[in-house]
């Protein structure tokens, strides 16, 4: 086990111990801060329900993440290969990105309904913005002299993109995709809370209505576990693919 992993595990255990000690020692009510052991017990008791809900949320997040990553990268490529499109598209994209993604949820739910498609669309929207900005910054980092050199040898825009711009931009694209993992699950859960037939967000909403705060924390615990796993998976893929970073 690496030293970094050992420090992470030690920090997590210390946090859990402090959480449990504070909840038990100060006799905090469940609506303030339930004991961590009570949350784990609720997770175990509701494991089948939480597992099914987590699968729904994760499937929505993964689908939206894949679509958003492709769209965001494709938009960045378009603005690089056809620079004349930047003047028209950038103001509209930046204006849309200036609004919190959650603000679009009611409109998307009205258009696409309460099923999985609305959650996938919202996740794709959130992830697409993040990956687009990272990819565009990466493509713009390329050395202009290297671009001029390739052009002097007869390389076209797509050849320059493949041979020079893409390898230069990959570290930033990968970083944007890694950051977007957490955002994808957050947006999926928030959209489920506004309207859904299932998922962790739906469970959180139902638990709040029933004033079951331990159940709320149980769903949050499962969501955090999924988010950490997704983040770690993309991080491991990044280290293997962008090995020169």
C-alpha atoms as a PDB file:
ATOM      1  CA  UNK A   1       0.000   0.000   0.000  1.00  0.00           C
ATOM      2  CA  UNK A   2       1.381   3.405  -0.948  1.00  0.00           C
ATOM      3  CA  UNK A   3       1.949   6.134   1.601  1.00  0.00           C
ATOM      4  CA  UNK A   4      -0.725   8.321  -0.011  1.00  0.00           C
ATOM      5  CA  UNK A   5      -3.331   5.554   0.216  1.00  0.00           C
ATOM      6  CA  UNK A   6      -2.384   4.861   3.841  1.00  0.00           C
ATOM      7  CA  UNK A   7      -2.788   8.546   4.704  1.00  0.00           C
ATOM      8  CA  UNK A   8      -6.179   8.609   2.978  1.00  0.00           C
ATOM      9  CA  UNK A   9      -7.412   5.557   4.902  1.00  0.00           C
ATOM     10  CA  UNK A  10      -6.093   6.945   8.190  1.00  0.00           C
ATOM     11  CA  UNK A  11      -7.801  10.299   7.548  1.00  0.00           C
ATOM     12  CA  UNK A  12     -11.102   8.571   6.731  1.00  0.00           C
ATOM     13  CA  UNK A  13     -10.941   6.448   9.900  1.00  0.00           C
ATOM     14  CA  UNK A  14     -10.130   9.520  11.973  1.00  0.00           C
ATOM     15  CA  UNK A  15     -13.108  11.370  10.486  1.00  0.00           C
ATOM     16  CA  UNK A  16     -15.439   8.428  11.187  1.00  0.00           C
ATOM     17  CA  UNK A  17     -14.183   8.167  14.771  1.00  0.00           C
ATOM     18  CA  UNK A  18     -14.709  11.907  15.348  1.00  0.00           C
ATOM     19  CA  UNK A  19     -18.167  11.714  13.781  1.00  0.00           C
ATOM     20  CA  UNK A  20     -19.211   8.756  15.934  1.00  0.00           C
ATOM     21  CA  UNK A  21     -17.742  10.303  19.073  1.00  0.00           C
ATOM     22  CA  UNK A  22     -19.471  13.647  18.517  1.00  0.00           C
ATOM     23  CA  UNK A  23     -22.856  12.074  17.786  1.00  0.00           C
ATOM     24  CA  UNK A  24     -22.698   9.701  20.763  1.00  0.00           C
ATOM     25  CA  UNK A  25     -20.920  11.975  23.191  1.00  0.00           C
ATOM     26  CA  UNK A  26     -23.164  15.005  22.693  1.00  0.00           C
ATOM     27  CA  UNK A  27     -26.330  12.881  22.234  1.00  0.00           C
ATOM     28  CA  UNK A  28     -27.093  14.657  18.970  1.00  0.00           C
ATOM     29  CA  UNK A  29     -30.552  13.983  17.506  1.00  0.00           C
ATOM     30  CA  UNK A  30     -30.779  12.228  14.143  1.00  0.00           C
ATOM     31  CA  UNK A  31     -31.953  15.351  12.346  1.00  0.00           C
ATOM     32  CA  UNK A  32     -28.755  17.136  13.440  1.00  0.00           C
ATOM     33  CA  UNK A  33     -26.162  14.400  12.966  1.00  0.00           C
ATOM     34  CA  UNK A  34     -26.912  10.680  13.285  1.00  0.00           C
ATOM     35  CA  UNK A  35     -24.175   8.357  14.480  1.00  0.00           C
ATOM     36  CA  UNK A  36     -22.103   6.816  11.714  1.00  0.00           C
ATOM     37  CA  UNK A  37     -22.845   3.338  13.044  1.00  0.00           C
ATOM     38  CA  UNK A  38     -26.584   4.065  12.729  1.00  0.00           C
ATOM     39  CA  UNK A  39     -26.054   5.094   9.107  1.00  0.00           C
ATOM     40  CA  UNK A  40     -24.133   1.900   8.362  1.00  0.00           C
ATOM     41  CA  UNK A  41     -26.853  -0.127  10.030  1.00  0.00           C
ATOM     42  CA  UNK A  42     -29.501   1.572   7.891  1.00  0.00           C
ATOM     43  CA  UNK A  43     -27.433   0.940   4.766  1.00  0.00           C
ATOM     44  CA  UNK A  44     -27.243  -2.759   5.623  1.00  0.00           C
ATOM     45  CA  UNK A  45     -30.967  -3.020   6.420  1.00  0.00           C
ATOM     46  CA  UNK A  46     -31.962  -1.206   3.210  1.00  0.00           C
ATOM     47  CA  UNK A  47     -29.149  -2.673   1.110  1.00  0.00           C
ATOM     48  CA  UNK A  48     -31.392  -4.119  -1.603  1.00  0.00           C
ATOM     49  CA  UNK A  49     -33.357  -0.897  -2.035  1.00  0.00           C
ATOM     50  CA  UNK A  50     -30.231   1.275  -1.949  1.00  0.00           C
ATOM     51  CA  UNK A  51     -28.395  -1.046  -4.329  1.00  0.00           C
ATOM     52  CA  UNK A  52     -31.210  -0.874  -6.872  1.00  0.00           C
ATOM     53  CA  UNK A  53     -31.500   2.905  -6.509  1.00  0.00           C
ATOM     54  CA  UNK A  54     -27.740   3.318  -6.766  1.00  0.00           C
ATOM     55  CA  UNK A  55     -27.735   1.263  -9.959  1.00  0.00           C
ATOM     56  CA  UNK A  56     -30.375   3.538 -11.490  1.00  0.00           C
ATOM     57  CA  UNK A  57     -28.494   6.708 -10.573  1.00  0.00           C
ATOM     58  CA  UNK A  58     -25.146   5.312 -11.689  1.00  0.00           C
ATOM     59  CA  UNK A  59     -26.552   4.203 -15.054  1.00  0.00           C
ATOM     60  CA  UNK A  60     -28.002   7.678 -15.648  1.00  0.00           C
ATOM     61  CA  UNK A  61     -24.739   9.330 -14.607  1.00  0.00           C
ATOM     62  CA  UNK A  62     -22.594   7.062 -16.814  1.00  0.00           C
ATOM     63  CA  UNK A  63     -24.794   7.555 -19.885  1.00  0.00           C
ATOM     64  CA  UNK A  64     -24.897  11.329 -19.431  1.00  0.00           C
ATOM     65  CA  UNK A  65     -21.167  11.392 -18.692  1.00  0.00           C
ATOM     66  CA  UNK A  66     -20.289   9.570 -21.916  1.00  0.00           C
ATOM     67  CA  UNK A  67     -22.602  11.737 -24.035  1.00  0.00           C
ATOM     68  CA  UNK A  68     -21.455  14.973 -22.385  1.00  0.00           C
ATOM     69  CA  UNK A  69     -17.763  14.111 -22.753  1.00  0.00           C
ATOM     70  CA  UNK A  70     -18.188  13.379 -26.457  1.00  0.00           C
ATOM     71  CA  UNK A  71     -20.218  16.526 -27.106  1.00  0.00           C
ATOM     72  CA  UNK A  72     -17.874  18.750 -25.092  1.00  0.00           C
ATOM     73  CA  UNK A  73     -14.769  17.435 -26.861  1.00  0.00           C
ATOM     74  CA  UNK A  74     -16.451  17.653 -30.270  1.00  0.00           C
ATOM     75  CA  UNK A  75     -17.431  21.295 -29.679  1.00  0.00           C
ATOM     76  CA  UNK A  76     -13.864  22.161 -28.689  1.00  0.00           C
ATOM     77  CA  UNK A  77     -12.554  20.434 -31.819  1.00  0.00           C
ATOM     78  CA  UNK A  78     -15.032  22.379 -33.954  1.00  0.00           C
ATOM     79  CA  UNK A  79     -13.878  25.716 -32.552  1.00  0.00           C
ATOM     80  CA  UNK A  80     -10.238  24.787 -33.158  1.00  0.00           C
ATOM     81  CA  UNK A  81     -10.617  23.351 -36.671  1.00  0.00           C
ATOM     82  CA  UNK A  82     -13.023  26.122 -37.773  1.00  0.00           C
ATOM     83  CA  UNK A  83     -11.886  29.214 -35.824  1.00  0.00           C
ATOM     84  CA  UNK A  84     -14.544  31.382 -37.475  1.00  0.00           C
ATOM     85  CA  UNK A  85     -17.206  29.536 -35.439  1.00  0.00           C
ATOM     86  CA  UNK A  86     -15.682  30.693 -32.136  1.00  0.00           C
ATOM     87  CA  UNK A  87     -16.973  34.246 -32.443  1.00  0.00           C
ATOM     88  CA  UNK A  88     -20.554  33.070 -32.821  1.00  0.00           C
ATOM     89  CA  UNK A  89     -20.625  30.049 -30.486  1.00  0.00           C
ATOM     90  CA  UNK A  90     -18.458  31.117 -27.543  1.00  0.00           C
ATOM     91  CA  UNK A  91     -20.742  33.920 -26.249  1.00  0.00           C
ATOM     92  CA  UNK A  92     -23.782  31.622 -26.376  1.00  0.00           C
ATOM     93  CA  UNK A  93     -21.935  28.748 -24.658  1.00  0.00           C
ATOM     94  CA  UNK A  94     -20.500  30.981 -21.944  1.00  0.00           C
ATOM     95  CA  UNK A  95     -23.909  32.569 -21.335  1.00  0.00           C
ATOM     96  CA  UNK A  96     -25.496  29.130 -20.964  1.00  0.00           C
ATOM     97  CA  UNK A  97     -22.692  28.009 -18.647  1.00  0.00           C
ATOM     98  CA  UNK A  98     -23.095  31.081 -16.420  1.00  0.00           C
ATOM     99  CA  UNK A  99     -26.477  29.759 -15.241  1.00  0.00           C
ATOM    100  CA  UNK A 100     -26.384  26.972 -12.592  1.00  0.00           C
ATOM    101  CA  UNK A 101     -27.139  23.657 -14.280  1.00  0.00           C
ATOM    102  CA  UNK A 102     -29.844  22.871 -11.721  1.00  0.00           C
ATOM    103  CA  UNK A 103     -31.841  25.824 -13.038  1.00  0.00           C
ATOM    104  CA  UNK A 104     -32.432  23.919 -16.281  1.00  0.00           C
ATOM    105  CA  UNK A 105     -33.871  20.893 -14.463  1.00  0.00           C
ATOM    106  CA  UNK A 106     -37.550  21.978 -14.446  1.00  0.00           C
ATOM    107  CA  UNK A 107     -37.442  22.742 -18.170  1.00  0.00           C
ATOM    108  CA  UNK A 108     -35.753  19.437 -19.003  1.00  0.00           C
ATOM    109  CA  UNK A 109     -38.224  17.517 -16.815  1.00  0.00           C
ATOM    110  CA  UNK A 110     -41.147  19.202 -18.593  1.00  0.00           C
ATOM    111  CA  UNK A 111     -39.716  18.368 -22.006  1.00  0.00           C
ATOM    112  CA  UNK A 112     -38.394  14.835 -21.391  1.00  0.00           C
ATOM    113  CA  UNK A 113     -40.542  13.653 -18.494  1.00  0.00           C
ATOM    114  CA  UNK A 114     -39.650  11.970 -15.212  1.00  0.00           C
ATOM    115  CA  UNK A 115     -37.840   9.001 -16.753  1.00  0.00           C
ATOM    116  CA  UNK A 116     -34.127   8.395 -17.192  1.00  0.00           C
ATOM    117  CA  UNK A 117     -33.835  10.512 -20.342  1.00  0.00           C
ATOM    118  CA  UNK A 118     -34.232  13.790 -18.439  1.00  0.00           C
ATOM    119  CA  UNK A 119     -31.492  12.814 -15.964  1.00  0.00           C
ATOM    120  CA  UNK A 120     -29.158  11.730 -18.740  1.00  0.00           C
ATOM    121  CA  UNK A 121     -29.746  15.028 -20.550  1.00  0.00           C
ATOM    122  CA  UNK A 122     -29.002  17.048 -17.416  1.00  0.00           C
ATOM    123  CA  UNK A 123     -25.814  15.103 -16.692  1.00  0.00           C
ATOM    124  CA  UNK A 124     -24.707  15.475 -20.327  1.00  0.00           C
ATOM    125  CA  UNK A 125     -25.297  19.220 -20.086  1.00  0.00           C
ATOM    126  CA  UNK A 126     -23.236  19.573 -16.902  1.00  0.00           C
ATOM    127  CA  UNK A 127     -20.406  17.297 -18.039  1.00  0.00           C
ATOM    128  CA  UNK A 128     -20.362  18.776 -21.544  1.00  0.00           C
ATOM    129  CA  UNK A 129     -19.611  22.277 -20.254  1.00  0.00           C
ATOM    130  CA  UNK A 130     -16.818  21.047 -17.995  1.00  0.00           C
ATOM    131  CA  UNK A 131     -15.116  18.917 -20.644  1.00  0.00           C
ATOM    132  CA  UNK A 132     -15.599  21.578 -23.340  1.00  0.00           C
ATOM    133  CA  UNK A 133     -13.815  24.287 -21.348  1.00  0.00           C
ATOM    134  CA  UNK A 134     -10.971  21.927 -20.388  1.00  0.00           C
ATOM    135  CA  UNK A 135     -10.554  20.644 -23.947  1.00  0.00           C
ATOM    136  CA  UNK A 136     -10.580  24.130 -25.460  1.00  0.00           C
ATOM    137  CA  UNK A 137      -7.963  25.336 -22.960  1.00  0.00           C
ATOM    138  CA  UNK A 138      -5.846  22.301 -23.816  1.00  0.00           C
ATOM    139  CA  UNK A 139      -6.095  22.849 -27.563  1.00  0.00           C
ATOM    140  CA  UNK A 140      -5.161  26.512 -27.133  1.00  0.00           C
ATOM    141  CA  UNK A 141      -2.002  25.591 -25.199  1.00  0.00           C
ATOM    142  CA  UNK A 142      -0.244  24.355 -28.298  1.00  0.00           C
ATOM    143  CA  UNK A 143       2.917  26.173 -29.381  1.00  0.00           C
ATOM    144  CA  UNK A 144       2.080  28.425 -32.353  1.00  0.00           C
ATOM    145  CA  UNK A 145       5.568  27.915 -33.774  1.00  0.00           C
ATOM    146  CA  UNK A 146       5.009  24.160 -33.862  1.00  0.00           C
ATOM    147  CA  UNK A 147       1.715  24.696 -35.696  1.00  0.00           C
ATOM    148  CA  UNK A 148       3.465  26.948 -38.217  1.00  0.00           C
ATOM    149  CA  UNK A 149       6.203  24.360 -38.707  1.00  0.00           C
ATOM    150  CA  UNK A 150       3.690  21.598 -39.465  1.00  0.00           C
ATOM    151  CA  UNK A 151       1.841  23.869 -41.880  1.00  0.00           C
ATOM    152  CA  UNK A 152       5.091  24.619 -43.686  1.00  0.00           C
ATOM    153  CA  UNK A 153       5.404  20.864 -44.332  1.00  0.00           C
ATOM    154  CA  UNK A 154       1.908  20.785 -45.816  1.00  0.00           C
ATOM    155  CA  UNK A 155      -0.061  19.509 -42.806  1.00  0.00           C
ATOM    156  CA  UNK A 156      -3.779  20.342 -42.831  1.00  0.00           C
ATOM    157  CA  UNK A 157      -5.997  21.304 -39.870  1.00  0.00           C
ATOM    158  CA  UNK A 158      -6.993  17.719 -39.068  1.00  0.00           C
ATOM    159  CA  UNK A 159      -3.418  16.455 -39.325  1.00  0.00           C
ATOM    160  CA  UNK A 160      -2.253  19.191 -36.948  1.00  0.00           C
ATOM    161  CA  UNK A 161      -5.132  18.353 -34.635  1.00  0.00           C
ATOM    162  CA  UNK A 162      -4.259  14.660 -34.499  1.00  0.00           C
ATOM    163  CA  UNK A 163      -0.462  14.945 -34.367  1.00  0.00           C
ATOM    164  CA  UNK A 164       0.012  18.042 -32.224  1.00  0.00           C
ATOM    165  CA  UNK A 165      -3.089  19.586 -30.660  1.00  0.00           C
ATOM    166  CA  UNK A 166      -4.687  16.408 -29.296  1.00  0.00           C
ATOM    167  CA  UNK A 167      -1.553  15.082 -27.483  1.00  0.00           C
ATOM    168  CA  UNK A 168      -1.038  18.567 -26.030  1.00  0.00           C
ATOM    169  CA  UNK A 169      -4.657  18.850 -24.883  1.00  0.00           C
ATOM    170  CA  UNK A 170      -5.102  15.308 -23.523  1.00  0.00           C
ATOM    171  CA  UNK A 171      -3.857  16.084 -19.979  1.00  0.00           C
ATOM    172  CA  UNK A 172      -6.364  18.917 -19.587  1.00  0.00           C
ATOM    173  CA  UNK A 173      -9.157  16.899 -21.237  1.00  0.00           C
ATOM    174  CA  UNK A 174      -8.481  14.026 -18.837  1.00  0.00           C
ATOM    175  CA  UNK A 175      -8.456  16.387 -15.857  1.00  0.00           C
ATOM    176  CA  UNK A 176     -11.784  17.867 -16.945  1.00  0.00           C
ATOM    177  CA  UNK A 177     -13.286  14.405 -17.336  1.00  0.00           C
ATOM    178  CA  UNK A 178     -12.017  13.421 -13.884  1.00  0.00           C
ATOM    179  CA  UNK A 179     -13.587  16.496 -12.286  1.00  0.00           C
ATOM    180  CA  UNK A 180     -16.822  15.857 -14.190  1.00  0.00           C
ATOM    181  CA  UNK A 181     -17.268  12.426 -12.544  1.00  0.00           C
ATOM    182  CA  UNK A 182     -18.386  13.980  -9.262  1.00  0.00           C
ATOM    183  CA  UNK A 183     -20.534  16.563 -11.046  1.00  0.00           C
ATOM    184  CA  UNK A 184     -22.322  13.858 -13.030  1.00  0.00           C
ATOM    185  CA  UNK A 185     -23.602  12.042  -9.935  1.00  0.00           C
ATOM    186  CA  UNK A 186     -24.530  15.278  -8.168  1.00  0.00           C
ATOM    187  CA  UNK A 187     -26.603  16.500 -11.110  1.00  0.00           C
ATOM    188  CA  UNK A 188     -28.280  13.100 -11.530  1.00  0.00           C
ATOM    189  CA  UNK A 189     -29.291  13.022  -7.844  1.00  0.00           C
ATOM    190  CA  UNK A 190     -30.520  16.628  -7.804  1.00  0.00           C
ATOM    191  CA  UNK A 191     -32.632  16.037 -10.917  1.00  0.00           C
ATOM    192  CA  UNK A 192     -34.072  12.848  -9.375  1.00  0.00           C
ATOM    193  CA  UNK A 193     -35.072  14.830  -6.300  1.00  0.00           C
ATOM    194  CA  UNK A 194     -37.112  17.178  -8.494  1.00  0.00           C
ATOM    195  CA  UNK A 195     -38.942  14.344 -10.226  1.00  0.00           C
ATOM    196  CA  UNK A 196     -38.198  10.674 -10.854  1.00  0.00           C
ATOM    197  CA  UNK A 197     -39.501   7.123 -10.650  1.00  0.00           C
ATOM    198  CA  UNK A 198     -36.410   5.817  -8.845  1.00  0.00           C
ATOM    199  CA  UNK A 199     -32.783   6.477  -7.939  1.00  0.00           C
ATOM    200  CA  UNK A 200     -30.923   7.799  -4.921  1.00  0.00           C
ATOM    201  CA  UNK A 201     -32.345  11.297  -5.350  1.00  0.00           C
ATOM    202  CA  UNK A 202     -35.865   9.903  -5.239  1.00  0.00           C
ATOM    203  CA  UNK A 203     -35.023   7.967  -2.051  1.00  0.00           C
ATOM    204  CA  UNK A 204     -33.584  11.120  -0.457  1.00  0.00           C
ATOM    205  CA  UNK A 205     -36.724  13.081  -1.329  1.00  0.00           C
ATOM    206  CA  UNK A 206     -39.033  10.378   0.041  1.00  0.00           C
ATOM    207  CA  UNK A 207     -36.965  10.094   3.236  1.00  0.00           C
ATOM    208  CA  UNK A 208     -37.151  13.862   3.791  1.00  0.00           C
ATOM    209  CA  UNK A 209     -40.920  13.785   3.358  1.00  0.00           C
ATOM    210  CA  UNK A 210     -41.124  10.952   5.908  1.00  0.00           C
ATOM    211  CA  UNK A 211     -38.682  12.790   8.237  1.00  0.00           C
ATOM    212  CA  UNK A 212     -36.327   9.786   8.152  1.00  0.00           C
ATOM    213  CA  UNK A 213     -32.959  11.527   8.412  1.00  0.00           C
ATOM    214  CA  UNK A 214     -30.969   8.337   8.891  1.00  0.00           C
ATOM    215  CA  UNK A 215     -32.302   7.108   5.544  1.00  0.00           C
ATOM    216  CA  UNK A 216     -31.259  10.407   3.979  1.00  0.00           C
ATOM    217  CA  UNK A 217     -27.716   9.925   5.242  1.00  0.00           C
ATOM    218  CA  UNK A 218     -27.751   6.292   4.095  1.00  0.00           C
ATOM    219  CA  UNK A 219     -28.533   7.367   0.533  1.00  0.00           C
ATOM    220  CA  UNK A 220     -25.876  10.076   0.753  1.00  0.00           C
ATOM    221  CA  UNK A 221     -23.357   7.474   1.948  1.00  0.00           C
ATOM    222  CA  UNK A 222     -24.108   5.222  -1.032  1.00  0.00           C
ATOM    223  CA  UNK A 223     -23.893   8.192  -3.416  1.00  0.00           C
ATOM    224  CA  UNK A 224     -20.530   9.217  -1.944  1.00  0.00           C
ATOM    225  CA  UNK A 225     -19.217   5.668  -2.304  1.00  0.00           C
ATOM    226  CA  UNK A 226     -20.281   5.530  -5.948  1.00  0.00           C
ATOM    227  CA  UNK A 227     -18.766   8.954  -6.597  1.00  0.00           C
ATOM    228  CA  UNK A 228     -15.430   7.973  -5.056  1.00  0.00           C
ATOM    229  CA  UNK A 229     -15.346   4.748  -7.054  1.00  0.00           C
ATOM    230  CA  UNK A 230     -16.171   6.540 -10.314  1.00  0.00           C
ATOM    231  CA  UNK A 231     -13.567   9.225  -9.594  1.00  0.00           C
ATOM    232  CA  UNK A 232     -10.925   6.596  -8.833  1.00  0.00           C
ATOM    233  CA  UNK A 233     -11.730   4.617 -11.983  1.00  0.00           C
ATOM    234  CA  UNK A 234     -11.377   7.647 -14.252  1.00  0.00           C
ATOM    235  CA  UNK A 235      -8.236   8.689 -12.390  1.00  0.00           C
ATOM    236  CA  UNK A 236      -6.674   5.266 -12.947  1.00  0.00           C
ATOM    237  CA  UNK A 237      -7.586   5.389 -16.649  1.00  0.00           C
ATOM    238  CA  UNK A 238      -6.069   8.872 -16.872  1.00  0.00           C
ATOM    239  CA  UNK A 239      -2.770   7.666 -15.417  1.00  0.00           C
ATOM    240  CA  UNK A 240      -2.579   4.850 -17.955  1.00  0.00           C
ATOM    241  CA  UNK A 241      -3.638   6.822 -21.041  1.00  0.00           C
ATOM    242  CA  UNK A 242      -1.927  10.151 -20.332  1.00  0.00           C
ATOM    243  CA  UNK A 243       1.233   8.439 -19.117  1.00  0.00           C
ATOM    244  CA  UNK A 244       3.505  11.367 -20.050  1.00  0.00           C
ATOM    245  CA  UNK A 245       1.697  13.801 -17.728  1.00  0.00           C
END
